[in-house]
């Protein structure tokens, strides 16, 4: 807000303001200024954060289900919540992929040994 108000009041050029406030580029200030012009202070406050979310942001979004506890529980399959059901399906898929990978790796290893001994 300070940067945009300083630019609007003519307190410096884009370059001077970006150096003064430690902003990496002039285009950011221009973007903020246009948002301020069209939506006011609320527009700047409600801006979505650009780029990839940090790990701490994604951890709070994901609620992990402990698959081991689910498998040890005495619940019947109809009693699982949608999140628990999804976690179990993902674990099943992971295990199937692991099994397929192991089979292919074993076949490649045997093929390699067969070719090595035939030389």
Protein backbone atom coordinates (compact mmCIF):
# COMPACT_ATOMS: atom_id res chain seq x y z
CA UNK A 1 0.00 0.00 0.00
CA UNK A 2 2.86 2.35 0.89
CA UNK A 3 4.55 1.76 -2.47
CA UNK A 4 1.40 2.39 -4.49
CA UNK A 5 0.52 5.54 -2.54
CA UNK A 6 4.09 6.82 -2.94
CA UNK A 7 3.89 6.21 -6.71
CA UNK A 8 0.45 7.84 -6.93
CA UNK A 9 1.71 10.91 -5.03
CA UNK A 10 4.74 11.21 -7.32
CA UNK A 11 7.28 10.63 -4.55
CA UNK A 12 9.70 8.98 -6.97
CA UNK A 13 10.15 7.11 -10.20
CA UNK A 14 9.38 3.41 -10.49
CA UNK A 15 13.08 2.60 -10.25
CA UNK A 16 13.60 4.77 -7.18
CA UNK A 17 10.59 3.28 -5.41
CA UNK A 18 11.56 -0.28 -6.26
CA UNK A 19 15.03 0.32 -4.78
CA UNK A 20 13.66 2.16 -1.74
CA UNK A 21 11.13 -0.57 -0.88
CA UNK A 22 13.23 -3.53 -2.05
CA UNK A 23 10.89 -4.66 -4.81
CA UNK A 24 12.60 -6.71 -7.53
CA UNK A 25 10.91 -5.15 -10.57
CA UNK A 26 9.09 -2.08 -11.78
CA UNK A 27 6.31 -4.12 -13.36
CA UNK A 28 5.13 -5.25 -9.93
CA UNK A 29 4.56 -1.65 -8.85
CA UNK A 30 2.69 -0.90 -12.07
CA UNK A 31 0.48 -3.96 -11.59
CA UNK A 32 -0.30 -2.96 -8.01
CA UNK A 33 -1.02 0.58 -9.14
CA UNK A 34 -3.55 -0.57 -11.75
CA UNK A 35 -5.26 -2.80 -9.20
CA UNK A 36 -5.35 0.13 -6.78
CA UNK A 37 -6.83 2.38 -9.50
CA UNK A 38 -9.57 -0.08 -10.44
CA UNK A 39 -10.41 -1.74 -7.09
CA UNK A 40 -8.99 0.53 -4.42
CA UNK A 41 -7.26 -0.57 -1.23
CA UNK A 42 -9.51 -3.62 -0.91
CA UNK A 43 -8.30 -4.87 -4.28
CA UNK A 44 -4.71 -4.84 -3.04
CA UNK A 45 -5.62 -6.49 0.25
CA UNK A 46 -7.56 -9.27 -1.46
CA UNK A 47 -4.96 -10.06 -4.12
CA UNK A 48 -4.20 -13.73 -4.56
CA UNK A 49 -0.63 -14.71 -3.95
CA UNK A 50 1.13 -15.43 -7.26
CA UNK A 51 3.17 -18.54 -7.99
CA UNK A 52 3.50 -21.94 -6.44
CA UNK A 53 2.28 -22.28 -2.85
CA UNK A 54 4.89 -22.93 -0.18
CA UNK A 55 5.07 -26.24 1.67
CA UNK A 56 3.54 -24.76 4.82
CA UNK A 57 0.49 -23.60 2.83
CA UNK A 58 -0.06 -26.98 1.18
CA UNK A 59 0.36 -28.89 4.45
CA UNK A 60 -2.53 -27.03 6.04
CA UNK A 61 -4.75 -27.81 3.02
CA UNK A 62 -4.06 -31.53 2.96
CA UNK A 63 -5.45 -33.56 5.80
CA UNK A 64 -3.49 -36.77 5.90
CA UNK A 65 -5.14 -40.02 6.82
CA UNK A 66 -3.07 -42.65 8.60
CA UNK A 67 -3.56 -45.69 6.36
CA UNK A 68 -1.90 -48.08 8.84
CA UNK A 69 -4.42 -47.17 11.53
CA UNK A 70 -7.27 -47.59 9.06
CA UNK A 71 -6.10 -51.06 8.12
CA UNK A 72 -5.79 -52.09 11.76
CA UNK A 73 -9.18 -50.71 12.72
CA UNK A 74 -12.24 -52.91 13.02
CA UNK A 75 -14.33 -50.73 10.69
CA UNK A 76 -16.27 -52.31 7.88
CA UNK A 77 -15.72 -50.85 4.42
CA UNK A 78 -19.08 -49.07 4.47
CA UNK A 79 -18.05 -47.06 7.56
CA UNK A 80 -15.08 -45.27 5.95
CA UNK A 81 -15.35 -41.55 5.29
CA UNK A 82 -14.71 -40.32 1.72
CA UNK A 83 -11.25 -39.05 2.76
CA UNK A 84 -10.36 -42.41 4.32
CA UNK A 85 -11.64 -44.26 1.27
CA UNK A 86 -9.57 -42.05 -1.01
CA UNK A 87 -6.46 -42.63 1.13
CA UNK A 88 -6.95 -46.39 0.96
CA UNK A 89 -7.39 -46.29 -2.82
CA UNK A 90 -4.22 -44.20 -3.17
CA UNK A 91 -2.31 -46.67 -0.99
CA UNK A 92 -3.59 -49.56 -3.09
CA UNK A 93 -2.49 -47.81 -6.28
CA UNK A 94 0.94 -47.08 -4.76
CA UNK A 95 1.39 -50.72 -3.80
CA UNK A 96 0.31 -51.93 -7.24
CA UNK A 97 2.79 -49.56 -8.92
CA UNK A 98 5.52 -50.73 -6.56
CA UNK A 99 4.75 -54.35 -7.39
CA UNK A 100 4.81 -53.70 -11.15
CA UNK A 101 8.08 -51.81 -10.83
CA UNK A 102 9.61 -54.66 -8.82
CA UNK A 103 8.54 -57.23 -11.41
CA UNK A 104 9.98 -55.20 -14.30
CA UNK A 105 13.19 -54.53 -12.42
CA UNK A 106 13.59 -58.22 -11.64
CA UNK A 107 13.02 -59.12 -15.31
CA UNK A 108 15.59 -56.55 -16.44
CA UNK A 109 18.10 -57.79 -13.89
CA UNK A 110 17.64 -61.39 -15.04
CA UNK A 111 17.94 -60.34 -18.68
CA UNK A 112 21.13 -58.44 -17.89
CA UNK A 113 22.65 -61.41 -16.07
CA UNK A 114 21.66 -63.77 -18.87
CA UNK A 115 23.34 -61.54 -21.48
CA UNK A 116 26.42 -61.13 -19.30
CA UNK A 117 26.91 -64.87 -18.83
CA UNK A 118 26.35 -65.64 -22.55
CA UNK A 119 29.26 -63.40 -23.65
